[in-house]
C-alpha atoms as a PDB file:
ATOM      1  CA  MET A   1       6.088   9.215  19.345  1.00  0.00           C
ATOM      2  CA  SER A   2       4.402   6.724  17.146  1.00  0.00           C
ATOM      3  CA  SER A   3       5.986   5.976  13.836  1.00  0.00           C
ATOM      4  CA  LYS A   4       3.524   6.225  11.010  1.00  0.00           C
ATOM      5  CA  LYS A   5       3.841   4.331   7.785  1.00  0.00           C
ATOM      6  CA  PRO A   6       4.388   6.534   4.773  1.00  0.00           C
ATOM      7  CA  PRO A   7       1.384   6.711   2.473  1.00  0.00           C
ATOM      8  CA  ALA A   8       1.282   4.242  -0.374  1.00  0.00           C
ATOM      9  CA  ARG A   9       3.041   5.453  -3.486  1.00  0.00           C
ATOM     10  CA  LYS A  10       0.563   6.518  -6.141  1.00  0.00           C
ATOM     11  CA  THR A  11       1.257   5.166  -9.576  1.00  0.00           C
ATOM     12  CA  PHE A  12       0.155   7.474 -12.326  1.00  0.00           C
ATOM     13  CA  PHE A  13      -0.452   6.509 -15.915  1.00  0.00           C
ATOM     14  CA  SER A  14       2.630   8.119 -17.474  1.00  0.00           C
ATOM     15  CA  ALA A  15       2.302  10.400 -20.483  1.00  0.00           C
ATOM     16  CA  GLY A  16       4.599   8.274 -22.654  1.00  0.00           C
ATOM     17  CA  LEU A  17       2.677   5.101 -21.896  1.00  0.00           C
ATOM     18  CA  PHE A  18      -0.632   6.869 -22.517  1.00  0.00           C
ATOM     19  CA  LEU A  19       0.594   8.297 -25.823  1.00  0.00           C
ATOM     20  CA  MET A  20       1.849   4.891 -26.969  1.00  0.00           C
ATOM     21  CA  ALA A  21      -1.396   3.159 -25.982  1.00  0.00           C
ATOM     22  CA  ALA A  22      -3.595   5.803 -27.600  1.00  0.00           C
ATOM     23  CA  LEU A  23      -1.546   5.842 -30.804  1.00  0.00           C
ATOM     24  CA  PHE A  24      -1.544   2.048 -31.079  1.00  0.00           C
ATOM     25  CA  ALA A  25      -5.270   1.779 -30.347  1.00  0.00           C
ATOM     26  CA  VAL A  26      -6.363   4.523 -32.755  1.00  0.00           C
ATOM     27  CA  LEU A  27      -4.111   3.458 -35.618  1.00  0.00           C
ATOM     28  CA  GLY A  28      -4.803  -0.231 -35.022  1.00  0.00           C
ATOM     29  CA  TRP A  29      -8.582   0.046 -34.912  1.00  0.00           C
ATOM     30  CA  ALA A  30      -8.631   2.487 -37.846  1.00  0.00           C
ATOM     31  CA  GLY A  31      -6.424   0.148 -39.874  1.00  0.00           C
ATOM     32  CA  THR A  32      -8.550  -2.849 -38.961  1.00  0.00           C
ATOM     33  CA  ALA A  33     -11.761  -1.043 -39.933  1.00  0.00           C
ATOM     34  CA  GLY A  34     -10.203   0.181 -43.178  1.00  0.00           C
ATOM     35  CA  ILE A  35      -9.053  -3.290 -44.129  1.00  0.00           C
ATOM     36  CA  VAL A  36     -12.399  -4.898 -43.264  1.00  0.00           C
ATOM     37  CA  PHE A  37     -14.545  -2.367 -45.116  1.00  0.00           C
ATOM     38  CA  LEU A  38     -12.314  -1.278 -48.007  1.00  0.00           C
ATOM     39  CA  THR A  39     -10.431  -4.363 -49.217  1.00  0.00           C
ATOM     40  CA  LEU A  40     -11.086  -7.838 -50.522  1.00  0.00           C
ATOM     41  CA  PRO A  41      -9.785 -10.803 -48.485  1.00  0.00           C
ATOM     42  CA  PHE A  42      -6.658 -11.603 -50.467  1.00  0.00           C
ATOM     43  CA  LEU A  43      -3.311 -12.545 -48.965  1.00  0.00           C
ATOM     44  CA  LEU A  44      -1.781  -9.087 -48.301  1.00  0.00           C
ATOM     45  CA  PRO A  45      -4.931  -7.529 -46.773  1.00  0.00           C
ATOM     46  CA  ARG A  46      -5.371 -10.603 -44.598  1.00  0.00           C
ATOM     47  CA  TRP A  47      -1.868 -10.239 -43.135  1.00  0.00           C
ATOM     48  CA  LEU A  48      -2.380  -6.481 -42.773  1.00  0.00           C
ATOM     49  CA  PHE A  49      -5.591  -7.254 -40.884  1.00  0.00           C
ATOM     50  CA  PHE A  50      -3.723  -9.369 -38.333  1.00  0.00           C
ATOM     51  CA  PHE A  51      -0.939  -6.792 -38.116  1.00  0.00           C
ATOM     52  CA  SER A  52      -3.313  -3.886 -37.457  1.00  0.00           C
ATOM     53  CA  LEU A  53      -5.387  -6.030 -35.077  1.00  0.00           C
ATOM     54  CA  PHE A  54      -2.218  -6.713 -33.090  1.00  0.00           C
ATOM     55  CA  PHE A  55      -1.635  -2.963 -32.707  1.00  0.00           C
ATOM     56  CA  ALA A  56      -5.293  -2.409 -31.801  1.00  0.00           C
ATOM     57  CA  PHE A  57      -5.271  -5.107 -29.113  1.00  0.00           C
ATOM     58  CA  THR A  58      -1.963  -3.860 -27.705  1.00  0.00           C
ATOM     59  CA  GLY A  59      -3.114  -0.262 -27.395  1.00  0.00           C
ATOM     60  CA  THR A  60      -6.460  -1.254 -25.950  1.00  0.00           C
ATOM     61  CA  ALA A  61      -4.946  -3.647 -23.407  1.00  0.00           C
ATOM     62  CA  VAL A  62      -2.435  -1.202 -21.862  1.00  0.00           C
ATOM     63  CA  PRO A  63      -4.922   0.784 -19.705  1.00  0.00           C
ATOM     64  CA  PHE A  64      -6.633  -2.380 -18.485  1.00  0.00           C
ATOM     65  CA  ILE A  65      -3.329  -4.029 -17.609  1.00  0.00           C
ATOM     66  CA  TRP A  66      -2.164  -0.860 -15.845  1.00  0.00           C
ATOM     67  CA  TYR A  67      -5.363  -0.813 -13.785  1.00  0.00           C
ATOM     68  CA  LEU A  68      -5.171  -4.516 -12.896  1.00  0.00           C
ATOM     69  CA  ASN A  69      -1.533  -4.182 -11.807  1.00  0.00           C
ATOM     70  CA  ARG A  70      -2.328  -1.061  -9.781  1.00  0.00           C
ATOM     71  CA  ARG A  71      -5.282  -2.805  -8.155  1.00  0.00           C
ATOM     72  CA  PHE A  72      -3.672  -6.151  -7.340  1.00  0.00           C
ATOM     73  CA  THR A  73       0.055  -5.303  -6.904  1.00  0.00           C
ATOM     74  CA  PRO A  74       0.147  -1.838  -5.278  1.00  0.00           C
ATOM     75  CA  ALA A  75       3.222  -2.570  -3.142  1.00  0.00           C
ATOM     76  CA  ARG A  76       5.507  -3.451  -6.062  1.00  0.00           C
ATOM     77  CA  PHE A  77       4.020  -1.826  -9.124  1.00  0.00           C
ATOM     78  CA  PRO A  78       5.790  -3.122 -12.258  1.00  0.00           C
ATOM     79  CA  SER A  79       7.786  -0.951 -14.612  1.00  0.00           C
ATOM     80  CA  GLU A  80       6.468   0.341 -17.916  1.00  0.00           C
ATOM     81  CA  GLY A  81       8.435  -2.338 -19.746  1.00  0.00           C
ATOM     82  CA  ILE A  82       6.571  -5.066 -17.891  1.00  0.00           C
ATOM     83  CA  LEU A  83       3.238  -3.382 -18.615  1.00  0.00           C
ATOM     84  CA  ILE A  84       4.069  -3.222 -22.319  1.00  0.00           C
ATOM     85  CA  ARG A  85       5.214  -6.864 -22.293  1.00  0.00           C
ATOM     86  CA  GLU A  86       1.910  -7.918 -20.733  1.00  0.00           C
ATOM     87  CA  ALA A  87      -0.008  -5.879 -23.329  1.00  0.00           C
ATOM     88  CA  LEU A  88       1.995  -7.547 -26.111  1.00  0.00           C
ATOM     89  CA  GLU A  89       1.216 -10.959 -24.642  1.00  0.00           C
ATOM     90  CA  THR A  90      -2.477 -10.078 -24.490  1.00  0.00           C
ATOM     91  CA  ALA A  91      -2.423  -8.901 -28.106  1.00  0.00           C
ATOM     92  CA  SER A  92      -0.568 -12.032 -29.200  1.00  0.00           C
ATOM     93  CA  LEU A  93      -3.172 -14.224 -27.543  1.00  0.00           C
ATOM     94  CA  GLY A  94      -6.018 -12.218 -29.065  1.00  0.00           C
ATOM     95  CA  VAL A  95      -4.601 -12.284 -32.589  1.00  0.00           C
ATOM     96  CA  PHE A  96      -3.796 -15.979 -32.286  1.00  0.00           C
ATOM     97  CA  LEU A  97      -7.372 -16.749 -31.250  1.00  0.00           C
ATOM     98  CA  VAL A  98      -8.754 -14.630 -34.116  1.00  0.00           C
ATOM     99  CA  TRP A  99      -6.429 -16.487 -36.498  1.00  0.00           C
ATOM    100  CA  LEU A 100      -7.757 -19.810 -35.192  1.00  0.00           C
ATOM    101  CA  GLN A 101     -11.309 -18.587 -35.689  1.00  0.00           C
ATOM    102  CA  ALA A 102     -10.558 -17.545 -39.273  1.00  0.00           C
ATOM    103  CA  GLY A 103      -9.596 -21.150 -39.984  1.00  0.00           C
ATOM    104  CA  ARG A 104     -12.653 -22.434 -38.083  1.00  0.00           C
ATOM    105  CA  LEU A 105     -10.377 -24.167 -35.574  1.00  0.00           C
ATOM    106  CA  PHE A 106     -11.272 -22.168 -32.465  1.00  0.00           C
ATOM    107  CA  THR A 107     -13.106 -23.944 -29.647  1.00  0.00           C
ATOM    108  CA  ALA A 108     -13.803 -22.850 -26.089  1.00  0.00           C
ATOM    109  CA  PHE A 109     -11.418 -25.500 -24.790  1.00  0.00           C
ATOM    110  CA  LEU A 110      -8.600 -24.264 -27.048  1.00  0.00           C
ATOM    111  CA  GLY A 111      -9.284 -20.687 -25.998  1.00  0.00           C
ATOM    112  CA  TRP A 112      -9.038 -21.520 -22.313  1.00  0.00           C
ATOM    113  CA  ALA A 113      -6.023 -23.771 -22.869  1.00  0.00           C
ATOM    114  CA  PHE A 114      -4.080 -21.046 -24.678  1.00  0.00           C
ATOM    115  CA  PHE A 115      -5.162 -18.489 -22.066  1.00  0.00           C
ATOM    116  CA  GLY A 116      -3.801 -20.793 -19.362  1.00  0.00           C
ATOM    117  CA  ALA A 117      -0.557 -21.261 -21.276  1.00  0.00           C
ATOM    118  CA  PHE A 118      -0.053 -17.508 -21.700  1.00  0.00           C
ATOM    119  CA  LEU A 119      -0.928 -16.962 -18.030  1.00  0.00           C
ATOM    120  CA  ALA A 120       1.590 -19.625 -16.965  1.00  0.00           C
ATOM    121  CA  VAL A 121       4.321 -18.003 -19.059  1.00  0.00           C
ATOM    122  CA  GLU A 122       3.581 -14.601 -17.492  1.00  0.00           C
ATOM    123  CA  LEU A 123       3.550 -16.026 -13.968  1.00  0.00           C
ATOM    124  CA  LEU A 124       6.894 -17.746 -14.578  1.00  0.00           C
ATOM    125  CA  LEU A 125       8.361 -14.508 -15.947  1.00  0.00           C
ATOM    126  CA  ARG A 126       7.110 -12.628 -12.873  1.00  0.00           C
ATOM    127  CA  LEU A 127       8.561 -15.311 -10.593  1.00  0.00           C
ATOM    128  CA  PHE A 128      11.915 -15.014 -12.364  1.00  0.00           C
ATOM    129  CA  GLU A 129      11.875 -11.216 -12.063  1.00  0.00           C
ATOM    130  CA  ASN A 130      10.947 -11.341  -8.370  1.00  0.00           C
ATOM    131  CA  SER A 131      13.794 -13.769  -7.668  1.00  0.00           C
ATOM    132  CA  ARG A 132      16.315 -11.343  -9.178  1.00  0.00           C
ATOM    133  CA  TRP A 133      14.877  -8.208  -7.531  1.00  0.00           C
ATOM    134  CA  ILE A 134      17.060  -6.478  -4.949  1.00  0.00           C
ATOM    135  CA  PRO A 135      15.376  -3.733  -2.927  1.00  0.00           C
ATOM    136  CA  ALA A 136      17.050  -0.354  -2.913  1.00  0.00           C
ATOM    137  CA  PRO A 137      18.305   0.693   0.522  1.00  0.00           C
ATOM    138  CA  SER A 138      16.123   3.235   2.261  1.00  0.00           C
ATOM    139  CA  ILE A 139      17.395   6.727   3.022  1.00  0.00           C
ATOM    140  CA  ASP A 140      17.624   5.920   6.747  1.00  0.00           C
ATOM    141  CA  GLU A 141      19.857   2.900   6.052  1.00  0.00           C
ATOM    142  CA  GLN A 142      22.142   4.942   3.799  1.00  0.00           C
ATOM    143  CA  THR A 143      22.632   7.728   6.352  1.00  0.00           C
ATOM    144  CA  SER A 144      23.183   5.302   9.246  1.00  0.00           C
ATOM    145  CA  GLU A 145      25.841   3.413   7.256  1.00  0.00           C
ATOM    146  CA  ALA A 146      27.568   6.668   6.303  1.00  0.00           C
ATOM    147  CA  ASN A 147      27.811   7.779   9.957  1.00  0.00           C
ATOM    148  CA  ASP A 148      28.838   4.369  11.312  1.00  0.00           C
ATOM    149  CA  PRO A 149      32.320   4.627  12.921  1.00  0.00           C
ATOM    150  CA  GLN A 150      33.020   0.893  12.471  1.00  0.00           C
ATOM    151  CA  THR A 151      32.914   1.043   8.687  1.00  0.00           C
ATOM    152  CA  GLY A 152      35.467   3.820   8.559  1.00  0.00           C
ATOM    153  CA  SER A 153      33.535   5.846   6.044  1.00  0.00           C
ATOM    154  CA  LEU A 154      32.867   9.504   6.448  1.00  0.00           C
ATOM    155  CA  PRO A 155      29.728  11.361   5.596  1.00  0.00           C
ATOM    156  CA  SER A 156      29.804  12.833   2.125  1.00  0.00           C
ATOM    157  CA  GLY A 157      31.511  16.190   1.850  1.00  0.00           C
ATOM    158  CA  ASP A 158      33.960  15.617   4.747  1.00  0.00           C
ATOM    159  CA  SER A 159      37.464  15.228   3.312  1.00  0.00           C
ATOM    160  CA  SER A 160      39.527  16.168   6.367  1.00  0.00           C
ATOM    161  CA  ALA A 161      40.424  12.591   7.385  1.00  0.00           C
ATOM    162  CA  GLY A 162      43.645  12.388   5.376  1.00  0.00           C
ATOM    163  CA  GLU A 163      45.202  15.590   6.777  1.00  0.00           C
END
């Protein structure tokens, strides 16, 4: 018999992640549009603009980040927490670049430099997480260890050894 590899695990866009992304995107873009079209650029509306833009960028980035992770890391798809962290990093970079542009300080070099810095931070975080990752034992390994006479353990449910 030939042993076949199990099919690759499909990673679905979970309902909770979808709801969070949709809620953030809709409320963020609606808030941004409301602030741009309905207020004057004083201090409070300006900070509300950046706040709502952060939510808009976060909600919009989640599906793209999910797709990129599914496309380029199918073997070890990251958890939802990592996807949200990457979306928050993307939103932080976007809002920071918009803030620089509001002060007329944004240049292409600064944009690429900050993109590289955010990318380096994410790669270092991924490297740290991969160094601490311990794979879960497969079902075959668990059953072979449970039936191994050298370890002295009995399969689960067999309690007749002490009698």
